[in-house]
Amino acid sequence: MAVITITKENYEEEVLKSPVPVMLDFWATWCGPCRMLSPIVDEVANEVEGRAKVGKIDVDAQPELAKEFGIMTVPTIIVMKNGEIASRESGVRPKQVLLEKLN
C-alpha cells in the first residue's frame, strides 16, 4: 500500500476511524533527517499492507495537525491505535523499530 498523505480534511477518516493501526510520519521538506527517514517509511508501508496504514503529514502544509500533536521536532513518528496515541518517537529510527511499533 502506498503511503497516504494525511491532511486535516482526511485525518478523521484515515486515522481516527481506521480499523487498523496507523503510523504517522510528521516531516518537513527542509528537514535532512526527514529525507533520510522517508524511504524507510515507504518500505514499512509496503511491508504492513493490509495490517496497518502509513501516513505522512507535512508540518508546514498541515500546521493544525502538527499543533494538535504538539510536534516540536521533525521527524516524529506517532503510531495511532483505535484513535489513540500508542507510541511516539522523534528522530530517524531503523525500519525494524518502526515495524515493532505497529505490532
PDB file of N, CA and C in Angstrom:
ATOM      1  N   MET A   1       0.856  -1.182   0.000  1.00  0.00           N
ATOM      2  CA  MET A   1       0.000   0.000   0.000  1.00  0.00           C
ATOM      3  C   MET A   1       0.892   1.232   0.000  1.00  0.00           C
ATOM      4  N   ALA A   2       0.515   2.173  -0.779  1.00  0.00           N
ATOM      5  CA  ALA A   2       1.266   3.419  -0.831  1.00  0.00           C
ATOM      6  C   ALA A   2       1.050   4.216   0.455  1.00  0.00           C
ATOM      7  N   VAL A   3       1.998   5.075   0.731  1.00  0.00           N
ATOM      8  CA  VAL A   3       1.876   5.979   1.866  1.00  0.00           C
ATOM      9  C   VAL A   3       0.757   6.971   1.561  1.00  0.00           C
ATOM     10  N   ILE A   4      -0.054   7.247   2.579  1.00  0.00           N
ATOM     11  CA  ILE A   4      -1.173   8.184   2.435  1.00  0.00           C
ATOM     12  C   ILE A   4      -0.722   9.567   2.883  1.00  0.00           C
ATOM     13  N   THR A   5      -1.073  10.584   2.123  1.00  0.00           N
ATOM     14  CA  THR A   5      -0.833  11.949   2.570  1.00  0.00           C
ATOM     15  C   THR A   5      -1.999  12.331   3.471  1.00  0.00           C
ATOM     16  N   ILE A   6      -1.685  12.612   4.730  1.00  0.00           N
ATOM     17  CA  ILE A   6      -2.720  12.953   5.702  1.00  0.00           C
ATOM     18  C   ILE A   6      -2.861  14.462   5.783  1.00  0.00           C
ATOM     19  N   THR A   7      -4.105  14.916   5.684  1.00  0.00           N
ATOM     20  CA  THR A   7      -4.419  16.337   5.799  1.00  0.00           C
ATOM     21  C   THR A   7      -5.516  16.501   6.849  1.00  0.00           C
ATOM     22  N   LYS A   8      -5.792  17.736   7.204  1.00  0.00           N
ATOM     23  CA  LYS A   8      -6.873  17.945   8.186  1.00  0.00           C
ATOM     24  C   LYS A   8      -8.212  17.483   7.618  1.00  0.00           C
ATOM     25  N   GLU A   9      -8.323  17.476   6.282  1.00  0.00           N
ATOM     26  CA  GLU A   9      -9.572  17.049   5.649  1.00  0.00           C
ATOM     27  C   GLU A   9      -9.799  15.540   5.730  1.00  0.00           C
ATOM     28  N   ASN A  10      -8.734  14.730   5.640  1.00  0.00           N
ATOM     29  CA  ASN A  10      -8.927  13.276   5.656  1.00  0.00           C
ATOM     30  C   ASN A  10      -8.464  12.624   6.960  1.00  0.00           C
ATOM     31  N   TYR A  11      -7.992  13.402   7.907  1.00  0.00           N
ATOM     32  CA  TYR A  11      -7.452  12.874   9.167  1.00  0.00           C
ATOM     33  C   TYR A  11      -8.459  12.005   9.923  1.00  0.00           C
ATOM     34  N   GLU A  12      -9.668  12.488  10.087  1.00  0.00           N
ATOM     35  CA  GLU A  12     -10.659  11.729  10.865  1.00  0.00           C
ATOM     36  C   GLU A  12     -10.928  10.372  10.224  1.00  0.00           C
ATOM     37  N   GLU A  13     -11.156  10.370   8.916  1.00  0.00           N
ATOM     38  CA  GLU A  13     -11.486   9.128   8.212  1.00  0.00           C
ATOM     39  C   GLU A  13     -10.301   8.151   8.170  1.00  0.00           C
ATOM     40  N   GLU A  14      -9.113   8.661   7.817  1.00  0.00           N
ATOM     41  CA  GLU A  14      -7.943   7.798   7.616  1.00  0.00           C
ATOM     42  C   GLU A  14      -7.274   7.366   8.924  1.00  0.00           C
ATOM     43  N   VAL A  15      -7.376   8.201   9.960  1.00  0.00           N
ATOM     44  CA  VAL A  15      -6.651   7.910  11.198  1.00  0.00           C
ATOM     45  C   VAL A  15      -7.597   7.550  12.339  1.00  0.00           C
ATOM     46  N   LEU A  16      -8.469   8.464  12.699  1.00  0.00           N
ATOM     47  CA  LEU A  16      -9.318   8.235  13.876  1.00  0.00           C
ATOM     48  C   LEU A  16     -10.292   7.075  13.687  1.00  0.00           C
ATOM     49  N   LYS A  17     -10.814   6.907  12.474  1.00  0.00           N
ATOM     50  CA  LYS A  17     -11.788   5.840  12.215  1.00  0.00           C
ATOM     51  C   LYS A  17     -11.153   4.582  11.628  1.00  0.00           C
ATOM     52  N   SER A  18      -9.831   4.538  11.580  1.00  0.00           N
ATOM     53  CA  SER A  18      -9.149   3.392  10.969  1.00  0.00           C
ATOM     54  C   SER A  18      -9.317   2.136  11.820  1.00  0.00           C
ATOM     55  N   PRO A  19      -9.695   1.013  11.187  1.00  0.00           N
ATOM     56  CA  PRO A  19      -9.807  -0.246  11.920  1.00  0.00           C
ATOM     57  C   PRO A  19      -8.440  -0.903  12.185  1.00  0.00           C
ATOM     58  N   VAL A  20      -7.395  -0.372  11.565  1.00  0.00           N
ATOM     59  CA  VAL A  20      -6.034  -0.902  11.736  1.00  0.00           C
ATOM     60  C   VAL A  20      -5.131   0.199  12.288  1.00  0.00           C
ATOM     61  N   PRO A  21      -4.001  -0.171  12.894  1.00  0.00           N
ATOM     62  CA  PRO A  21      -3.069   0.847  13.385  1.00  0.00           C
ATOM     63  C   PRO A  21      -2.596   1.753  12.244  1.00  0.00           C
ATOM     64  N   VAL A  22      -2.280   3.005  12.601  1.00  0.00           N
ATOM     65  CA  VAL A  22      -1.806   3.975  11.620  1.00  0.00           C
ATOM     66  C   VAL A  22      -0.501   4.590  12.132  1.00  0.00           C
ATOM     67  N   MET A  23       0.551   4.498  11.314  1.00  0.00           N
ATOM     68  CA  MET A  23       1.805   5.163  11.632  1.00  0.00           C
ATOM     69  C   MET A  23       1.832   6.495  10.914  1.00  0.00           C
ATOM     70  N   LEU A  24       2.030   7.572  11.673  1.00  0.00           N
ATOM     71  CA  LEU A  24       2.080   8.914  11.111  1.00  0.00           C
ATOM     72  C   LEU A  24       3.509   9.422  11.142  1.00  0.00           C
ATOM     73  N   ASP A  25       3.996   9.870   9.996  1.00  0.00           N
ATOM     74  CA  ASP A  25       5.334  10.445   9.876  1.00  0.00           C
ATOM     75  C   ASP A  25       5.170  11.949   9.722  1.00  0.00           C
ATOM     76  N   PHE A  26       5.493  12.703  10.766  1.00  0.00           N
ATOM     77  CA  PHE A  26       5.470  14.168  10.703  1.00  0.00           C
ATOM     78  C   PHE A  26       6.828  14.613  10.179  1.00  0.00           C
ATOM     79  N   TRP A  27       6.832  15.335   9.062  1.00  0.00           N
ATOM     80  CA  TRP A  27       8.059  15.690   8.374  1.00  0.00           C
ATOM     81  C   TRP A  27       7.967  17.095   7.787  1.00  0.00           C
ATOM     82  N   ALA A  28       9.083  17.562   7.224  1.00  0.00           N
ATOM     83  CA  ALA A  28       9.125  18.846   6.527  1.00  0.00           C
ATOM     84  C   ALA A  28      10.095  18.733   5.352  1.00  0.00           C
ATOM     85  N   THR A  29       9.837  19.486   4.302  1.00  0.00           N
ATOM     86  CA  THR A  29      10.665  19.420   3.094  1.00  0.00           C
ATOM     87  C   THR A  29      12.094  19.868   3.357  1.00  0.00           C
ATOM     88  N   TRP A  30      12.292  20.782   4.293  1.00  0.00           N
ATOM     89  CA  TRP A  30      13.613  21.344   4.581  1.00  0.00           C
ATOM     90  C   TRP A  30      14.428  20.501   5.564  1.00  0.00           C
ATOM     91  N   CYS A  31      13.881  19.386   6.024  1.00  0.00           N
ATOM     92  CA  CYS A  31      14.474  18.579   7.093  1.00  0.00           C
ATOM     93  C   CYS A  31      15.318  17.441   6.529  1.00  0.00           C
ATOM     94  N   GLY A  32      16.637  17.507   6.733  1.00  0.00           N
ATOM     95  CA  GLY A  32      17.542  16.456   6.256  1.00  0.00           C
ATOM     96  C   GLY A  32      17.229  15.084   6.839  1.00  0.00           C
ATOM     97  N   PRO A  33      17.090  14.971   8.171  1.00  0.00           N
ATOM     98  CA  PRO A  33      16.746  13.662   8.739  1.00  0.00           C
ATOM     99  C   PRO A  33      15.418  13.116   8.204  1.00  0.00           C
ATOM    100  N   CYS A  34      14.477  14.004   7.890  1.00  0.00           N
ATOM    101  CA  CYS A  34      13.196  13.555   7.317  1.00  0.00           C
ATOM    102  C   CYS A  34      13.426  12.881   5.965  1.00  0.00           C
ATOM    103  N   ARG A  35      14.326  13.446   5.170  1.00  0.00           N
ATOM    104  CA  ARG A  35      14.635  12.858   3.861  1.00  0.00           C
ATOM    105  C   ARG A  35      15.330  11.508   4.030  1.00  0.00           C
ATOM    106  N   MET A  36      16.110  11.346   5.109  1.00  0.00           N
ATOM    107  CA  MET A  36      16.752  10.057   5.381  1.00  0.00           C
ATOM    108  C   MET A  36      15.713   9.020   5.794  1.00  0.00           C
ATOM    109  N   LEU A  37      14.702   9.430   6.553  1.00  0.00           N
ATOM    110  CA  LEU A  37      13.694   8.513   7.072  1.00  0.00           C
ATOM    111  C   LEU A  37      12.650   8.138   6.015  1.00  0.00           C
ATOM    112  N   SER A  38      12.412   9.005   5.065  1.00  0.00           N
ATOM    113  CA  SER A  38      11.333   8.811   4.094  1.00  0.00           C
ATOM    114  C   SER A  38      11.366   7.455   3.382  1.00  0.00           C
ATOM    115  N   PRO A  39      12.517   6.999   2.845  1.00  0.00           N
ATOM    116  CA  PRO A  39      12.496   5.687   2.184  1.00  0.00           C
ATOM    117  C   PRO A  39      12.229   4.538   3.159  1.00  0.00           C
ATOM    118  N   ILE A  40      12.619   4.694   4.415  1.00  0.00           N
ATOM    119  CA  ILE A  40      12.353   3.670   5.428  1.00  0.00           C
ATOM    120  C   ILE A  40      10.847   3.589   5.678  1.00  0.00           C
ATOM    121  N   VAL A  41      10.209   4.760   5.784  1.00  0.00           N
ATOM    122  CA  VAL A  41       8.757   4.813   5.983  1.00  0.00           C
ATOM    123  C   VAL A  41       8.044   4.171   4.799  1.00  0.00           C
ATOM    124  N   ASP A  42       8.543   4.419   3.589  1.00  0.00           N
ATOM    125  CA  ASP A  42       7.946   3.821   2.394  1.00  0.00           C
ATOM    126  C   ASP A  42       8.061   2.291   2.432  1.00  0.00           C
ATOM    127  N   GLU A  43       9.208   1.782   2.879  1.00  0.00           N
ATOM    128  CA  GLU A  43       9.391   0.334   2.994  1.00  0.00           C
ATOM    129  C   GLU A  43       8.424  -0.253   4.021  1.00  0.00           C
ATOM    130  N   VAL A  44       8.273   0.420   5.152  1.00  0.00           N
ATOM    131  CA  VAL A  44       7.344  -0.042   6.182  1.00  0.00           C
ATOM    132  C   VAL A  44       5.933  -0.114   5.611  1.00  0.00           C
ATOM    133  N   ALA A  45       5.536   0.910   4.864  1.00  0.00           N
ATOM    134  CA  ALA A  45       4.194   0.935   4.273  1.00  0.00           C
ATOM    135  C   ALA A  45       3.961  -0.290   3.401  1.00  0.00           C
ATOM    136  N   ASN A  46       4.963  -0.668   2.621  1.00  0.00           N
ATOM    137  CA  ASN A  46       4.827  -1.846   1.759  1.00  0.00           C
ATOM    138  C   ASN A  46       4.751  -3.129   2.572  1.00  0.00           C
ATOM    139  N   GLU A  47       5.502  -3.209   3.652  1.00  0.00           N
ATOM    140  CA  GLU A  47       5.542  -4.442   4.453  1.00  0.00           C
ATOM    141  C   GLU A  47       4.291  -4.658   5.294  1.00  0.00           C
ATOM    142  N   VAL A  48       3.613  -3.594   5.685  1.00  0.00           N
ATOM    143  CA  VAL A  48       2.447  -3.741   6.580  1.00  0.00           C
ATOM    144  C   VAL A  48       1.122  -3.658   5.834  1.00  0.00           C
ATOM    145  N   GLU A  49       1.179  -3.668   4.521  1.00  0.00           N
ATOM    146  CA  GLU A  49      -0.041  -3.559   3.718  1.00  0.00           C
ATOM    147  C   GLU A  49      -1.091  -4.566   4.174  1.00  0.00           C
ATOM    148  N   GLY A  50      -2.282  -4.063   4.420  1.00  0.00           N
ATOM    149  CA  GLY A  50      -3.382  -4.908   4.857  1.00  0.00           C
ATOM    150  C   GLY A  50      -3.479  -5.054   6.368  1.00  0.00           C
ATOM    151  N   ARG A  51      -2.370  -4.808   7.082  1.00  0.00           N
ATOM    152  CA  ARG A  51      -2.360  -4.920   8.549  1.00  0.00           C
ATOM    153  C   ARG A  51      -2.320  -3.570   9.241  1.00  0.00           C
ATOM    154  N   ALA A  52      -1.861  -2.545   8.520  1.00  0.00           N
ATOM    155  CA  ALA A  52      -1.725  -1.204   9.091  1.00  0.00           C
ATOM    156  C   ALA A  52      -1.664  -0.194   7.946  1.00  0.00           C
ATOM    157  N   LYS A  53      -1.799   1.084   8.308  1.00  0.00           N
ATOM    158  CA  LYS A  53      -1.669   2.174   7.336  1.00  0.00           C
ATOM    159  C   LYS A  53      -0.458   3.009   7.719  1.00  0.00           C
ATOM    160  N   VAL A  54       0.114   3.661   6.718  1.00  0.00           N
ATOM    161  CA  VAL A  54       1.207   4.587   6.958  1.00  0.00           C
ATOM    162  C   VAL A  54       0.848   5.901   6.273  1.00  0.00           C
ATOM    163  N   GLY A  55       0.916   6.985   7.045  1.00  0.00           N
ATOM    164  CA  GLY A  55       0.601   8.297   6.504  1.00  0.00           C
ATOM    165  C   GLY A  55       1.702   9.291   6.800  1.00  0.00           C
ATOM    166  N   LYS A  56       1.847  10.264   5.912  1.00  0.00           N
ATOM    167  CA  LYS A  56       2.823  11.331   6.110  1.00  0.00           C
ATOM    168  C   LYS A  56       2.086  12.650   6.264  1.00  0.00           C
ATOM    169  N   ILE A  57       2.563  13.449   7.207  1.00  0.00           N
ATOM    170  CA  ILE A  57       1.982  14.763   7.453  1.00  0.00           C
ATOM    171  C   ILE A  57       3.092  15.802   7.344  1.00  0.00           C
ATOM    172  N   ASP A  58       2.996  16.658   6.335  1.00  0.00           N
ATOM    173  CA  ASP A  58       3.936  17.761   6.155  1.00  0.00           C
ATOM    174  C   ASP A  58       3.552  18.844   7.173  1.00  0.00           C
ATOM    175  N   VAL A  59       4.433  19.088   8.151  1.00  0.00           N
ATOM    176  CA  VAL A  59       4.090  20.007   9.240  1.00  0.00           C
ATOM    177  C   VAL A  59       3.894  21.441   8.755  1.00  0.00           C
ATOM    178  N   ASP A  60       4.541  21.818   7.647  1.00  0.00           N
ATOM    179  CA  ASP A  60       4.367  23.170   7.115  1.00  0.00           C
ATOM    180  C   ASP A  60       3.040  23.316   6.382  1.00  0.00           C
ATOM    181  N   ALA A  61       2.595  22.259   5.720  1.00  0.00           N
ATOM    182  CA  ALA A  61       1.323  22.289   4.992  1.00  0.00           C
ATOM    183  C   ALA A  61       0.128  22.026   5.909  1.00  0.00           C
ATOM    184  N   GLN A  62       0.368  21.355   7.044  1.00  0.00           N
ATOM    185  CA  GLN A  62      -0.708  20.975   7.972  1.00  0.00           C
ATOM    186  C   GLN A  62      -0.372  21.442   9.399  1.00  0.00           C
ATOM    187  N   PRO A  63      -0.234  22.764   9.595  1.00  0.00           N
ATOM    188  CA  PRO A  63       0.164  23.257  10.922  1.00  0.00           C
ATOM    189  C   PRO A  63      -0.855  22.921  12.019  1.00  0.00           C
ATOM    190  N   GLU A  64      -2.125  22.786  11.650  1.00  0.00           N
ATOM    191  CA  GLU A  64      -3.143  22.468  12.662  1.00  0.00           C
ATOM    192  C   GLU A  64      -2.901  21.074  13.249  1.00  0.00           C
ATOM    193  N   LEU A  65      -2.583  20.106  12.381  1.00  0.00           N
ATOM    194  CA  LEU A  65      -2.314  18.746  12.870  1.00  0.00           C
ATOM    195  C   LEU A  65      -1.017  18.707  13.667  1.00  0.00           C
ATOM    196  N   ALA A  66       0.001  19.430  13.212  1.00  0.00           N
ATOM    197  CA  ALA A  66       1.267  19.478  13.951  1.00  0.00           C
ATOM    198  C   ALA A  66       1.041  20.064  15.347  1.00  0.00           C
ATOM    199  N   LYS A  67       0.223  21.095  15.434  1.00  0.00           N
ATOM    200  CA  LYS A  67      -0.072  21.712  16.730  1.00  0.00           C
ATOM    201  C   LYS A  67      -0.884  20.760  17.609  1.00  0.00           C
ATOM    202  N   GLU A  68      -1.865  20.095  17.018  1.00  0.00           N
ATOM    203  CA  GLU A  68      -2.712  19.161  17.772  1.00  0.00           C
ATOM    204  C   GLU A  68      -1.881  18.068  18.438  1.00  0.00           C
ATOM    205  N   PHE A  69      -0.828  17.612  17.750  1.00  0.00           N
ATOM    206  CA  PHE A  69       0.024  16.561  18.284  1.00  0.00           C
ATOM    207  C   PHE A  69       1.233  17.108  19.057  1.00  0.00           C
ATOM    208  N   GLY A  70       1.345  18.432  19.145  1.00  0.00           N
ATOM    209  CA  GLY A  70       2.462  19.027  19.878  1.00  0.00           C
ATOM    210  C   GLY A  70       3.813  18.716  19.265  1.00  0.00           C
ATOM    211  N   ILE A  71       3.889  18.719  17.941  1.00  0.00           N
ATOM    212  CA  ILE A  71       5.132  18.383  17.250  1.00  0.00           C
ATOM    213  C   ILE A  71       6.125  19.534  17.409  1.00  0.00           C
ATOM    214  N   MET A  72       7.244  19.233  18.056  1.00  0.00           N
ATOM    215  CA  MET A  72       8.301  20.223  18.258  1.00  0.00           C
ATOM    216  C   MET A  72       9.546  19.893  17.436  1.00  0.00           C
ATOM    217  N   THR A  73       9.665  18.634  17.031  1.00  0.00           N
ATOM    218  CA  THR A  73      10.834  18.150  16.301  1.00  0.00           C
ATOM    219  C   THR A  73      10.358  17.280  15.144  1.00  0.00           C
ATOM    220  N   VAL A  74      11.022  17.440  13.994  1.00  0.00           N
ATOM    221  CA  VAL A  74      10.770  16.532  12.880  1.00  0.00           C
ATOM    222  C   VAL A  74      12.073  15.844  12.534  1.00  0.00           C
ATOM    223  N   PRO A  75      12.024  14.586  12.133  1.00  0.00           N
ATOM    224  CA  PRO A  75      10.818  13.773  12.002  1.00  0.00           C
ATOM    225  C   PRO A  75      10.330  13.258  13.359  1.00  0.00           C
ATOM    226  N   THR A  76       9.024  13.135  13.470  1.00  0.00           N
ATOM    227  CA  THR A  76       8.394  12.482  14.614  1.00  0.00           C
ATOM    228  C   THR A  76       7.460  11.422  14.062  1.00  0.00           C
ATOM    229  N   ILE A  77       7.552  10.227  14.628  1.00  0.00           N
ATOM    230  CA  ILE A  77       6.684   9.115  14.225  1.00  0.00           C
ATOM    231  C   ILE A  77       5.712   8.846  15.367  1.00  0.00           C
ATOM    232  N   ILE A  78       4.432   8.872  15.055  1.00  0.00           N
ATOM    233  CA  ILE A  78       3.393   8.565  16.039  1.00  0.00           C
ATOM    234  C   ILE A  78       2.576   7.394  15.504  1.00  0.00           C
ATOM    235  N   VAL A  79       2.369   6.392  16.341  1.00  0.00           N
ATOM    236  CA  VAL A  79       1.519   5.263  15.971  1.00  0.00           C
ATOM    237  C   VAL A  79       0.196   5.425  16.706  1.00  0.00           C
ATOM    238  N   MET A  80      -0.881   5.388  15.936  1.00  0.00           N
ATOM    239  CA  MET A  80      -2.236   5.515  16.473  1.00  0.00           C
ATOM    240  C   MET A  80      -2.918   4.152  16.405  1.00  0.00           C
ATOM    241  N   LYS A  81      -3.551   3.778  17.507  1.00  0.00           N
ATOM    242  CA  LYS A  81      -4.355   2.552  17.543  1.00  0.00           C
ATOM    243  C   LYS A  81      -5.690   2.899  18.174  1.00  0.00           C
ATOM    244  N   ASN A  82      -6.770   2.582  17.475  1.00  0.00           N
ATOM    245  CA  ASN A  82      -8.125   2.887  17.954  1.00  0.00           C
ATOM    246  C   ASN A  82      -8.296   4.368  18.277  1.00  0.00           C
ATOM    247  N   GLY A  83      -7.696   5.229  17.454  1.00  0.00           N
ATOM    248  CA  GLY A  83      -7.838   6.664  17.623  1.00  0.00           C
ATOM    249  C   GLY A  83      -7.024   7.265  18.748  1.00  0.00           C
ATOM    250  N   GLU A  84      -6.159   6.469  19.382  1.00  0.00           N
ATOM    251  CA  GLU A  84      -5.337   6.936  20.499  1.00  0.00           C
ATOM    252  C   GLU A  84      -3.856   6.771  20.152  1.00  0.00           C
ATOM    253  N   ILE A  85      -3.027   7.637  20.740  1.00  0.00           N
ATOM    254  CA  ILE A  85      -1.586   7.522  20.532  1.00  0.00           C
ATOM    255  C   ILE A  85      -1.069   6.301  21.279  1.00  0.00           C
ATOM    256  N   ALA A  86      -0.441   5.388  20.539  1.00  0.00           N
ATOM    257  CA  ALA A  86       0.123   4.169  21.133  1.00  0.00           C
ATOM    258  C   ALA A  86       1.627   4.310  21.354  1.00  0.00           C
ATOM    259  N   SER A  87       2.297   5.091  20.498  1.00  0.00           N
ATOM    260  CA  SER A  87       3.727   5.335  20.681  1.00  0.00           C
ATOM    261  C   SER A  87       4.131   6.598  19.939  1.00  0.00           C
ATOM    262  N   ARG A  88       5.258   7.149  20.381  1.00  0.00           N
ATOM    263  CA  ARG A  88       5.764   8.398  19.805  1.00  0.00           C
ATOM    264  C   ARG A  88       7.284   8.343  19.841  1.00  0.00           C
ATOM    265  N   GLU A  89       7.912   8.596  18.702  1.00  0.00           N
ATOM    266  CA  GLU A  89       9.376   8.583  18.575  1.00  0.00           C
ATOM    267  C   GLU A  89       9.795   9.800  17.756  1.00  0.00           C
ATOM    268  N   SER A  90      10.876  10.454  18.164  1.00  0.00           N
ATOM    269  CA  SER A  90      11.434  11.552  17.376  1.00  0.00           C
ATOM    270  C   SER A  90      12.782  11.132  16.827  1.00  0.00           C
ATOM    271  N   GLY A  91      13.100  11.620  15.637  1.00  0.00           N
ATOM    272  CA  GLY A  91      14.373  11.309  15.013  1.00  0.00           C
ATOM    273  C   GLY A  91      14.278  10.112  14.091  1.00  0.00           C
ATOM    274  N   VAL A  92      15.385   9.840  13.401  1.00  0.00           N
ATOM    275  CA  VAL A  92      15.448   8.729  12.458  1.00  0.00           C
ATOM    276  C   VAL A  92      15.544   7.425  13.255  1.00  0.00           C
ATOM    277  N   ARG A  93      14.730   6.458  12.864  1.00  0.00           N
ATOM    278  CA  ARG A  93      14.717   5.150  13.517  1.00  0.00           C
ATOM    279  C   ARG A  93      14.873   4.059  12.460  1.00  0.00           C
ATOM    280  N   PRO A  94      15.489   2.926  12.838  1.00  0.00           N
ATOM    281  CA  PRO A  94      15.600   1.809  11.892  1.00  0.00           C
ATOM    282  C   PRO A  94      14.223   1.236  11.558  1.00  0.00           C
ATOM    283  N   LYS A  95      14.141   0.617  10.394  1.00  0.00           N
ATOM    284  CA  LYS A  95      12.879   0.045   9.945  1.00  0.00           C
ATOM    285  C   LYS A  95      12.315  -0.937  10.951  1.00  0.00           C
ATOM    286  N   GLN A  96      13.153  -1.780  11.543  1.00  0.00           N
ATOM    287  CA  GLN A  96      12.674  -2.789  12.479  1.00  0.00           C
ATOM    288  C   GLN A  96      11.983  -2.152  13.687  1.00  0.00           C
ATOM    289  N   VAL A  97      12.507  -1.038  14.165  1.00  0.00           N
ATOM    290  CA  VAL A  97      11.892  -0.333  15.304  1.00  0.00           C
ATOM    291  C   VAL A  97      10.488   0.145  14.920  1.00  0.00           C
ATOM    292  N   LEU A  98      10.371   0.696  13.719  1.00  0.00           N
ATOM    293  CA  LEU A  98       9.069   1.185  13.263  1.00  0.00           C
ATOM    294  C   LEU A  98       8.075   0.028  13.103  1.00  0.00           C
ATOM    295  N   LEU A  99       8.532  -1.083  12.555  1.00  0.00           N
ATOM    296  CA  LEU A  99       7.661  -2.244  12.381  1.00  0.00           C
ATOM    297  C   LEU A  99       7.178  -2.766  13.745  1.00  0.00           C
ATOM    298  N   GLU A 100       8.068  -2.793  14.716  1.00  0.00           N
ATOM    299  CA  GLU A 100       7.697  -3.278  16.059  1.00  0.00           C
ATOM    300  C   GLU A 100       6.626  -2.383  16.690  1.00  0.00           C
ATOM    301  N   LYS A 101       6.688  -1.098  16.435  1.00  0.00           N
ATOM    302  CA  LYS A 101       5.701  -0.158  16.996  1.00  0.00           C
ATOM    303  C   LYS A 101       4.303  -0.422  16.441  1.00  0.00           C
ATOM    304  N   LEU A 102       4.224  -0.956  15.241  1.00  0.00           N
ATOM    305  CA  LEU A 102       2.932  -1.231  14.616  1.00  0.00           C
ATOM    306  C   LEU A 102       2.330  -2.558  15.063  1.00  0.00           C
ATOM    307  N   ASN A 103       3.116  -3.408  15.687  1.00  0.00           N
ATOM    308  CA  ASN A 103       2.615  -4.720  16.118  1.00  0.00           C
ATOM    309  C   ASN A 103       2.057  -4.686  17.527  1.00  0.00           C
TER     310      ASN A 103
END
